Amino acid sequence: MIFISQSGITDPTRESDWDNWYIAHLNLMAGVPGIASAQRFKTVTPGHSPSLAMYSVASADVFQDPYYLSVRGMGDWLALIDRRYYKRNLFQGAERAPLVNDREVLLVADREAPDAGLGGAAWTWLECVGIDRSTPYRAIAVVDEAHAQTFAPGPSIAVYRPAARRPVPQ
């Protein structure tokens, strides 16, 4: 399963501090039993959450783990979270989140149903099965950064770049 947390902050002058906090947060999350990987991404695609964190989780039971409950959430950053972008969803359709290297990008497309006409990449369709359920289906694809130029980012597809040089596998 894949857990995706999306967010953004209301004070752009704090972006660097937030990035540093997020690195530590990903390391904490990767230490939760049942979480196999954690990686954060950023986009400048208009209309999409500026920040997206993607985790490989064994099952929804991870969210009941006492350690998870002690490290989850935005902590002191909660007051600065831009509610327009705050979404948390649990998806089935892939056992693990793809790990995206620094020469690749993550493409994200939300749909009401899987769309065979999306094309242009090896899309993985994920069905939302829990938490906020802000989209019924999400397609994700990892492509070389140069290939991302063939996709027109916008309301239909967001292009996310890794926010850190390396993902955090457990």
N, C-alpha and C. Protein backbone atom coordinates (compact mmCIF):
# COMPACT_ATOMS: atom_id res chain seq x y z
N MET A 1 0.84 -1.18 0.00
CA MET A 1 0.00 0.00 0.00
C MET A 1 0.88 1.24 0.00
N ILE A 2 0.30 2.32 -0.46
CA ILE A 2 1.02 3.59 -0.50
C ILE A 2 0.22 4.64 0.25
N PHE A 3 0.88 5.30 1.17
CA PHE A 3 0.30 6.42 1.90
C PHE A 3 0.91 7.69 1.32
N ILE A 4 0.06 8.65 0.94
CA ILE A 4 0.55 9.92 0.40
C ILE A 4 0.00 11.05 1.24
N SER A 5 0.90 11.89 1.71
CA SER A 5 0.55 13.08 2.47
C SER A 5 0.96 14.30 1.66
N GLN A 6 0.00 15.19 1.41
CA GLN A 6 0.27 16.39 0.62
C GLN A 6 0.06 17.61 1.49
N SER A 7 0.87 18.64 1.26
CA SER A 7 0.75 19.84 2.07
C SER A 7 1.47 21.00 1.42
N GLY A 8 1.43 22.10 2.09
CA GLY A 8 2.12 23.32 1.73
C GLY A 8 2.06 24.23 2.95
N ILE A 9 2.92 25.22 3.00
CA ILE A 9 2.88 26.14 4.13
C ILE A 9 2.50 27.54 3.67
N THR A 10 1.97 28.31 4.61
CA THR A 10 1.48 29.65 4.30
C THR A 10 2.55 30.73 4.37
N ASP A 11 3.71 30.40 4.90
CA ASP A 11 4.79 31.39 5.04
C ASP A 11 6.00 30.95 4.24
N PRO A 12 6.16 31.44 3.01
CA PRO A 12 7.28 30.99 2.17
C PRO A 12 8.66 31.34 2.73
N THR A 13 8.74 32.27 3.65
CA THR A 13 10.04 32.60 4.24
C THR A 13 10.53 31.49 5.16
N ARG A 14 9.65 30.56 5.53
CA ARG A 14 10.01 29.44 6.42
C ARG A 14 10.29 28.15 5.66
N GLU A 15 10.28 28.22 4.34
CA GLU A 15 10.43 27.02 3.50
C GLU A 15 11.69 26.22 3.83
N SER A 16 12.82 26.87 4.01
CA SER A 16 14.07 26.18 4.30
C SER A 16 13.99 25.45 5.65
N ASP A 17 13.41 26.10 6.64
CA ASP A 17 13.24 25.45 7.95
C ASP A 17 12.31 24.25 7.85
N TRP A 18 11.26 24.39 7.06
CA TRP A 18 10.31 23.30 6.89
C TRP A 18 10.97 22.12 6.18
N ASP A 19 11.79 22.42 5.17
CA ASP A 19 12.51 21.36 4.47
C ASP A 19 13.40 20.58 5.44
N ASN A 20 14.09 21.28 6.32
CA ASN A 20 14.95 20.62 7.31
C ASN A 20 14.12 19.77 8.27
N TRP A 21 13.00 20.30 8.72
CA TRP A 21 12.12 19.53 9.61
C TRP A 21 11.66 18.26 8.90
N TYR A 22 11.31 18.38 7.62
CA TYR A 22 10.76 17.24 6.89
C TYR A 22 11.78 16.12 6.74
N ILE A 23 13.05 16.46 6.56
CA ILE A 23 14.08 15.43 6.47
C ILE A 23 14.09 14.59 7.74
N ALA A 24 14.07 15.24 8.88
CA ALA A 24 14.04 14.51 10.17
C ALA A 24 12.75 13.72 10.31
N HIS A 25 11.64 14.31 9.88
CA HIS A 25 10.34 13.63 9.98
C HIS A 25 10.32 12.35 9.14
N LEU A 26 10.86 12.40 7.93
CA LEU A 26 10.91 11.21 7.09
C LEU A 26 11.71 10.09 7.75
N ASN A 27 12.80 10.45 8.40
CA ASN A 27 13.60 9.45 9.10
C ASN A 27 12.81 8.83 10.25
N LEU A 28 12.05 9.63 10.98
CA LEU A 28 11.20 9.09 12.04
C LEU A 28 10.14 8.15 11.46
N MET A 29 9.50 8.59 10.40
CA MET A 29 8.45 7.78 9.79
C MET A 29 9.01 6.46 9.24
N ALA A 30 10.19 6.48 8.68
CA ALA A 30 10.80 5.26 8.16
C ALA A 30 11.11 4.26 9.27
N GLY A 31 11.16 4.75 10.51
CA GLY A 31 11.40 3.87 11.64
C GLY A 31 10.14 3.22 12.21
N VAL A 32 8.99 3.57 11.69
CA VAL A 32 7.73 2.99 12.15
C VAL A 32 7.62 1.56 11.61
N PRO A 33 7.33 0.58 12.47
CA PRO A 33 7.13 -0.77 11.98
C PRO A 33 6.03 -0.80 10.91
N GLY A 34 6.35 -1.40 9.77
CA GLY A 34 5.38 -1.48 8.68
C GLY A 34 5.54 -0.41 7.62
N ILE A 35 6.44 0.56 7.85
CA ILE A 35 6.73 1.55 6.81
C ILE A 35 8.09 1.19 6.22
N ALA A 36 8.09 0.88 4.92
CA ALA A 36 9.30 0.40 4.26
C ALA A 36 10.09 1.49 3.55
N SER A 37 9.43 2.61 3.21
CA SER A 37 10.15 3.71 2.57
C SER A 37 9.41 5.02 2.80
N ALA A 38 10.16 6.11 2.70
CA ALA A 38 9.58 7.44 2.85
C ALA A 38 10.37 8.38 1.95
N GLN A 39 9.66 9.15 1.14
CA GLN A 39 10.32 10.09 0.24
C GLN A 39 9.43 11.31 0.07
N ARG A 40 10.06 12.48 -0.03
CA ARG A 40 9.32 13.72 -0.20
C ARG A 40 9.63 14.35 -1.56
N PHE A 41 8.62 15.02 -2.10
CA PHE A 41 8.72 15.65 -3.40
C PHE A 41 8.17 17.07 -3.32
N LYS A 42 8.57 17.90 -4.29
CA LYS A 42 8.03 19.25 -4.41
C LYS A 42 7.62 19.50 -5.86
N THR A 43 6.63 20.37 -6.02
CA THR A 43 6.21 20.77 -7.36
C THR A 43 5.99 22.28 -7.41
N VAL A 44 6.07 22.80 -8.60
CA VAL A 44 5.67 24.17 -8.85
C VAL A 44 4.49 24.17 -9.83
N THR A 45 3.89 22.99 -10.06
CA THR A 45 2.73 22.88 -10.93
C THR A 45 1.56 23.59 -10.26
N PRO A 46 1.00 24.62 -10.90
CA PRO A 46 -0.11 25.37 -10.30
C PRO A 46 -1.30 24.47 -9.97
N GLY A 47 -1.92 24.76 -8.83
CA GLY A 47 -3.13 24.05 -8.44
C GLY A 47 -2.89 22.74 -7.71
N HIS A 48 -1.64 22.36 -7.51
CA HIS A 48 -1.33 21.10 -6.82
C HIS A 48 -0.59 21.39 -5.52
N SER A 49 -0.68 20.49 -4.59
CA SER A 49 0.02 20.65 -3.31
C SER A 49 1.51 20.83 -3.57
N PRO A 50 2.12 21.87 -3.00
CA PRO A 50 3.54 22.11 -3.22
C PRO A 50 4.44 20.97 -2.74
N SER A 51 4.00 20.26 -1.70
CA SER A 51 4.79 19.19 -1.10
C SER A 51 3.99 17.90 -1.09
N LEU A 52 4.67 16.79 -1.39
CA LEU A 52 4.03 15.49 -1.39
C LEU A 52 5.02 14.51 -0.77
N ALA A 53 4.60 13.79 0.24
CA ALA A 53 5.43 12.73 0.84
C ALA A 53 4.74 11.40 0.55
N MET A 54 5.55 10.42 0.14
CA MET A 54 5.01 9.12 -0.25
C MET A 54 5.71 8.03 0.55
N TYR A 55 4.90 7.14 1.11
CA TYR A 55 5.39 6.10 1.99
C TYR A 55 4.90 4.73 1.53
N SER A 56 5.76 3.71 1.63
CA SER A 56 5.33 2.33 1.44
C SER A 56 4.89 1.81 2.80
N VAL A 57 3.64 1.36 2.90
CA VAL A 57 3.13 0.85 4.17
C VAL A 57 2.62 -0.58 3.99
N ALA A 58 2.81 -1.40 5.01
CA ALA A 58 2.40 -2.80 4.93
C ALA A 58 0.88 -2.94 4.89
N SER A 59 0.18 -2.11 5.69
CA SER A 59 -1.28 -2.17 5.75
C SER A 59 -1.79 -0.95 6.53
N ALA A 60 -3.09 -0.82 6.58
CA ALA A 60 -3.69 0.29 7.34
C ALA A 60 -3.41 0.15 8.83
N ASP A 61 -3.03 -1.03 9.28
CA ASP A 61 -2.71 -1.24 10.70
C ASP A 61 -1.53 -0.37 11.16
N VAL A 62 -0.68 0.05 10.22
CA VAL A 62 0.46 0.90 10.56
C VAL A 62 -0.01 2.15 11.31
N PHE A 63 -1.19 2.65 10.95
CA PHE A 63 -1.69 3.90 11.52
C PHE A 63 -2.20 3.74 12.95
N GLN A 64 -2.19 2.52 13.46
CA GLN A 64 -2.55 2.27 14.86
C GLN A 64 -1.34 1.99 15.73
N ASP A 65 -0.17 1.88 15.11
CA ASP A 65 1.06 1.59 15.84
C ASP A 65 1.37 2.72 16.82
N PRO A 66 1.70 2.40 18.07
CA PRO A 66 1.99 3.45 19.06
C PRO A 66 3.12 4.40 18.63
N TYR A 67 4.16 3.86 18.00
CA TYR A 67 5.25 4.74 17.57
C TYR A 67 4.77 5.67 16.46
N TYR A 68 4.01 5.14 15.50
CA TYR A 68 3.46 6.00 14.45
C TYR A 68 2.63 7.13 15.07
N LEU A 69 1.77 6.78 16.01
CA LEU A 69 0.92 7.79 16.64
C LEU A 69 1.73 8.85 17.37
N SER A 70 2.94 8.50 17.79
CA SER A 70 3.77 9.48 18.51
C SER A 70 4.56 10.39 17.57
N VAL A 71 4.76 10.00 16.29
CA VAL A 71 5.59 10.81 15.38
C VAL A 71 4.81 11.37 14.19
N ARG A 72 3.59 10.97 14.02
CA ARG A 72 2.81 11.43 12.86
C ARG A 72 2.46 12.90 12.97
N GLY A 73 2.02 13.44 11.87
CA GLY A 73 1.51 14.81 11.88
C GLY A 73 2.59 15.85 11.64
N MET A 74 2.16 17.07 11.66
CA MET A 74 3.02 18.20 11.32
C MET A 74 3.64 18.90 12.53
N GLY A 75 3.34 18.43 13.71
CA GLY A 75 3.96 19.00 14.91
C GLY A 75 3.75 20.50 14.99
N ASP A 76 4.83 21.23 15.29
CA ASP A 76 4.77 22.68 15.43
C ASP A 76 4.41 23.39 14.13
N TRP A 77 4.49 22.69 13.01
CA TRP A 77 4.20 23.30 11.71
C TRP A 77 2.71 23.36 11.42
N LEU A 78 1.90 22.71 12.21
CA LEU A 78 0.48 22.63 11.94
C LEU A 78 -0.17 24.01 11.73
N ALA A 79 0.23 24.99 12.50
CA ALA A 79 -0.36 26.33 12.37
C ALA A 79 -0.02 26.99 11.03
N LEU A 80 1.06 26.54 10.38
CA LEU A 80 1.47 27.14 9.11
C LEU A 80 1.04 26.32 7.88
N ILE A 81 0.35 25.22 8.11
CA ILE A 81 -0.08 24.37 6.99
C ILE A 81 -1.21 25.05 6.23
N ASP A 82 -1.04 25.13 4.91
CA ASP A 82 -2.05 25.72 4.03
C ASP A 82 -3.13 24.66 3.80
N ARG A 83 -4.30 24.88 4.37
CA ARG A 83 -5.38 23.88 4.33
C ARG A 83 -5.87 23.57 2.91
N ARG A 84 -5.59 24.43 1.95
CA ARG A 84 -5.99 24.14 0.57
C ARG A 84 -5.27 22.90 0.04
N TYR A 85 -4.10 22.65 0.57
CA TYR A 85 -3.26 21.58 0.02
C TYR A 85 -3.12 20.36 0.94
N TYR A 86 -3.67 20.43 2.13
CA TYR A 86 -3.47 19.35 3.10
C TYR A 86 -4.41 18.18 2.80
N LYS A 87 -3.82 17.08 2.32
CA LYS A 87 -4.57 15.86 1.97
C LYS A 87 -3.75 14.66 2.38
N ARG A 88 -4.42 13.66 2.94
CA ARG A 88 -3.75 12.42 3.30
C ARG A 88 -4.61 11.27 2.79
N ASN A 89 -4.00 10.41 2.00
CA ASN A 89 -4.75 9.31 1.40
C ASN A 89 -3.96 8.01 1.46
N LEU A 90 -4.69 6.93 1.63
CA LEU A 90 -4.11 5.59 1.60
C LEU A 90 -4.60 4.91 0.33
N PHE A 91 -3.66 4.35 -0.44
CA PHE A 91 -3.98 3.77 -1.73
C PHE A 91 -3.58 2.30 -1.79
N GLN A 92 -4.38 1.52 -2.51
CA GLN A 92 -3.99 0.16 -2.87
C GLN A 92 -3.80 0.12 -4.37
N GLY A 93 -3.03 -0.85 -4.82
CA GLY A 93 -2.76 -0.98 -6.25
C GLY A 93 -1.27 -1.16 -6.52
N ALA A 94 -0.47 -0.94 -5.49
CA ALA A 94 0.97 -1.19 -5.57
C ALA A 94 1.43 -1.59 -4.18
N GLU A 95 2.29 -2.58 -4.14
CA GLU A 95 2.80 -3.05 -2.85
C GLU A 95 3.73 -2.04 -2.21
N ARG A 96 4.53 -1.36 -3.05
CA ARG A 96 5.51 -0.39 -2.55
C ARG A 96 5.47 0.88 -3.39
N ALA A 97 5.80 1.98 -2.76
CA ALA A 97 5.95 3.24 -3.48
C ALA A 97 7.22 3.17 -4.30
N PRO A 98 7.19 3.72 -5.51
CA PRO A 98 8.43 3.74 -6.30
C PRO A 98 9.44 4.68 -5.66
N LEU A 99 10.70 4.33 -5.75
CA LEU A 99 11.77 5.21 -5.28
C LEU A 99 12.24 6.03 -6.48
N VAL A 100 12.25 7.33 -6.32
CA VAL A 100 12.55 8.23 -7.43
C VAL A 100 13.92 8.85 -7.19
N ASN A 101 14.85 8.67 -8.16
CA ASN A 101 16.19 9.22 -7.96
C ASN A 101 16.23 10.68 -8.41
N ASP A 102 17.36 11.33 -8.21
CA ASP A 102 17.44 12.78 -8.47
C ASP A 102 17.46 13.15 -9.95
N ARG A 103 17.48 12.17 -10.85
CA ARG A 103 17.38 12.45 -12.28
C ARG A 103 16.01 12.07 -12.83
N GLU A 104 15.09 11.77 -11.94
CA GLU A 104 13.74 11.37 -12.32
C GLU A 104 12.71 12.30 -11.67
N VAL A 105 11.49 12.22 -12.16
CA VAL A 105 10.39 12.95 -11.56
C VAL A 105 9.22 11.99 -11.36
N LEU A 106 8.33 12.38 -10.46
CA LEU A 106 7.10 11.63 -10.20
C LEU A 106 5.95 12.39 -10.85
N LEU A 107 5.23 11.71 -11.73
CA LEU A 107 4.03 12.29 -12.33
C LEU A 107 2.83 11.83 -11.52
N VAL A 108 1.89 12.73 -11.27
CA VAL A 108 0.71 12.42 -10.47
C VAL A 108 -0.53 12.93 -11.19
N ALA A 109 -1.52 12.06 -11.34
CA ALA A 109 -2.78 12.44 -11.98
C ALA A 109 -3.94 11.85 -11.19
N ASP A 110 -4.84 12.69 -10.75
CA ASP A 110 -6.03 12.24 -10.03
C ASP A 110 -7.20 12.14 -11.00
N ARG A 111 -7.98 11.07 -10.85
CA ARG A 111 -9.12 10.84 -11.74
C ARG A 111 -10.28 10.22 -10.95
N GLU A 112 -11.46 10.31 -11.55
CA GLU A 112 -12.65 9.67 -10.98
C GLU A 112 -12.62 8.16 -11.20
N ALA A 113 -11.92 7.73 -12.27
CA ALA A 113 -11.79 6.31 -12.61
C ALA A 113 -10.48 6.16 -13.39
N PRO A 114 -9.91 4.95 -13.42
CA PRO A 114 -8.70 4.76 -14.23
C PRO A 114 -8.94 5.19 -15.67
N ASP A 115 -7.96 5.84 -16.24
CA ASP A 115 -8.07 6.45 -17.56
C ASP A 115 -7.02 5.82 -18.49
N ALA A 116 -7.47 4.91 -19.35
CA ALA A 116 -6.56 4.21 -20.26
C ALA A 116 -5.93 5.17 -21.26
N GLY A 117 -6.52 6.33 -21.48
CA GLY A 117 -6.01 7.27 -22.44
C GLY A 117 -4.96 8.21 -21.90
N LEU A 118 -4.54 8.02 -20.67
CA LEU A 118 -3.55 8.91 -20.07
C LEU A 118 -2.24 8.84 -20.84
N GLY A 119 -1.76 7.65 -21.13
CA GLY A 119 -0.61 7.42 -22.01
C GLY A 119 0.66 8.17 -21.68
N GLY A 120 1.69 7.89 -22.49
CA GLY A 120 2.95 8.60 -22.41
C GLY A 120 3.91 8.13 -21.35
N ALA A 121 3.48 7.27 -20.45
CA ALA A 121 4.34 6.77 -19.36
C ALA A 121 3.77 5.45 -18.87
N ALA A 122 4.55 4.74 -18.06
CA ALA A 122 4.09 3.50 -17.45
C ALA A 122 3.35 3.87 -16.15
N TRP A 123 2.09 4.23 -16.28
CA TRP A 123 1.28 4.67 -15.15
C TRP A 123 0.88 3.49 -14.27
N THR A 124 0.89 3.68 -12.98
CA THR A 124 0.35 2.72 -12.01
C THR A 124 -0.90 3.36 -11.42
N TRP A 125 -2.02 2.66 -11.55
CA TRP A 125 -3.28 3.19 -11.02
C TRP A 125 -3.46 2.72 -9.58
N LEU A 126 -3.74 3.67 -8.72
CA LEU A 126 -3.95 3.41 -7.31
C LEU A 126 -5.39 3.77 -6.95
N GLU A 127 -6.03 2.92 -6.19
CA GLU A 127 -7.39 3.20 -5.72
C GLU A 127 -7.31 3.69 -4.28
N CYS A 128 -7.97 4.80 -4.00
CA CYS A 128 -7.97 5.34 -2.64
C CYS A 128 -8.87 4.47 -1.76
N VAL A 129 -8.32 4.02 -0.63
CA VAL A 129 -9.07 3.14 0.26
C VAL A 129 -9.15 3.67 1.69
N GLY A 130 -8.61 4.88 1.94
CA GLY A 130 -8.71 5.34 3.31
C GLY A 130 -8.20 6.75 3.55
N ILE A 131 -8.43 7.20 4.76
CA ILE A 131 -8.09 8.49 5.35
C ILE A 131 -8.96 9.58 4.71
N ASP A 132 -8.40 10.59 4.06
CA ASP A 132 -9.22 11.71 3.56
C ASP A 132 -10.06 11.36 2.33
N ARG A 133 -9.58 10.44 1.53
CA ARG A 133 -10.28 10.04 0.29
C ARG A 133 -10.55 11.26 -0.60
N SER A 134 -9.53 12.07 -0.82
CA SER A 134 -9.69 13.29 -1.61
C SER A 134 -9.75 13.03 -3.11
N THR A 135 -9.41 11.83 -3.53
CA THR A 135 -9.53 11.44 -4.94
C THR A 135 -9.86 9.95 -4.99
N PRO A 136 -10.75 9.53 -5.88
CA PRO A 136 -11.05 8.10 -5.96
C PRO A 136 -9.88 7.28 -6.51
N TYR A 137 -9.18 7.85 -7.51
CA TYR A 137 -8.05 7.15 -8.12
C TYR A 137 -6.91 8.13 -8.35
N ARG A 138 -5.71 7.60 -8.23
CA ARG A 138 -4.51 8.39 -8.52
C ARG A 138 -3.59 7.52 -9.38
N ALA A 139 -3.10 8.12 -10.45
CA ALA A 139 -2.11 7.46 -11.29
C ALA A 139 -0.76 8.09 -10.97
N ILE A 140 0.25 7.24 -10.84
CA ILE A 140 1.61 7.72 -10.62
C ILE A 140 2.52 7.07 -11.65
N ALA A 141 3.54 7.81 -12.04
CA ALA A 141 4.55 7.28 -12.97
C ALA A 141 5.87 7.95 -12.65
N VAL A 142 6.93 7.20 -12.78
CA VAL A 142 8.28 7.73 -12.62
C VAL A 142 8.90 7.78 -14.01
N VAL A 143 9.37 8.97 -14.38
CA VAL A 143 10.01 9.13 -15.69
C VAL A 143 11.30 9.91 -15.53
N ASP A 144 12.17 9.75 -16.49
CA ASP A 144 13.40 10.53 -16.53
C ASP A 144 13.03 12.00 -16.62
N GLU A 145 13.80 12.84 -15.94
CA GLU A 145 13.47 14.26 -15.91
C GLU A 145 13.36 14.86 -17.32
N ALA A 146 14.21 14.41 -18.24
CA ALA A 146 14.15 14.91 -19.61
C ALA A 146 12.83 14.53 -20.28
N HIS A 147 12.32 13.33 -19.98
CA HIS A 147 11.05 12.87 -20.55
C HIS A 147 9.86 13.65 -19.98
N ALA A 148 10.00 14.20 -18.80
CA ALA A 148 8.91 14.95 -18.17
C ALA A 148 8.52 16.16 -18.99
N GLN A 149 9.43 16.64 -19.82
CA GLN A 149 9.14 17.80 -20.66
C GLN A 149 8.01 17.52 -21.65
N THR A 150 7.76 16.23 -21.95
CA THR A 150 6.69 15.89 -22.88
C THR A 150 5.31 15.97 -22.24
N PHE A 151 5.26 16.09 -20.92
CA PHE A 151 3.99 16.21 -20.21
C PHE A 151 3.73 17.67 -19.90
N ALA A 152 2.55 18.12 -20.17
CA ALA A 152 2.19 19.50 -19.88
C ALA A 152 1.64 19.55 -18.46
N PRO A 153 2.47 19.99 -17.50
CA PRO A 153 1.96 20.07 -16.14
C PRO A 153 0.83 21.08 -16.05
N GLY A 154 -0.12 20.79 -15.21
CA GLY A 154 -1.26 21.68 -15.04
C GLY A 154 -2.34 20.99 -14.23
N PRO A 155 -3.59 21.34 -14.47
CA PRO A 155 -4.66 20.76 -13.66
C PRO A 155 -4.77 19.24 -13.80
N SER A 156 -4.34 18.71 -14.94
CA SER A 156 -4.50 17.29 -15.22
C SER A 156 -3.36 16.43 -14.66
N ILE A 157 -2.13 16.93 -14.73
CA ILE A 157 -0.95 16.17 -14.30
C ILE A 157 0.00 17.10 -13.57
N ALA A 158 0.47 16.65 -12.42
CA ALA A 158 1.49 17.40 -11.67
C ALA A 158 2.83 16.69 -11.81
N VAL A 159 3.88 17.47 -11.91
CA VAL A 159 5.24 16.95 -11.98
C VAL A 159 5.92 17.26 -10.65
N TYR A 160 6.32 16.21 -9.93
CA TYR A 160 6.98 16.36 -8.63
C TYR A 160 8.43 15.91 -8.74
N ARG A 161 9.32 16.73 -8.21
CA ARG A 161 10.75 16.40 -8.16
C ARG A 161 11.13 15.98 -6.74
N PRO A 162 12.05 15.03 -6.60
CA PRO A 162 12.49 14.67 -5.25
C PRO A 162 13.00 15.89 -4.50
N ALA A 163 12.59 16.03 -3.24
CA ALA A 163 13.00 17.17 -2.42
C ALA A 163 14.32 16.91 -1.72
N ALA A 164 14.69 15.66 -1.65
CA ALA A 164 15.97 15.28 -1.04
C ALA A 164 16.71 14.41 -2.05
N ARG A 165 18.00 14.37 -1.93
CA ARG A 165 18.79 13.62 -2.91
C ARG A 165 18.51 12.12 -2.84
N ARG A 166 18.18 11.63 -1.66
CA ARG A 166 17.95 10.20 -1.53
C ARG A 166 16.67 9.93 -0.78
N PRO A 167 15.91 8.90 -1.19
CA PRO A 167 14.77 8.50 -0.40
C PRO A 167 15.24 7.84 0.89
N VAL A 168 14.34 7.67 1.82
CA VAL A 168 14.67 7.06 3.10
C VAL A 168 14.07 5.67 3.16
N PRO A 169 14.83 4.64 2.75
CA PRO A 169 14.30 3.28 2.92
C PRO A 169 14.62 2.78 4.32
N GLN A 170 13.80 1.88 4.81
CA GLN A 170 14.03 1.32 6.15
C GLN A 170 15.02 0.19 6.05
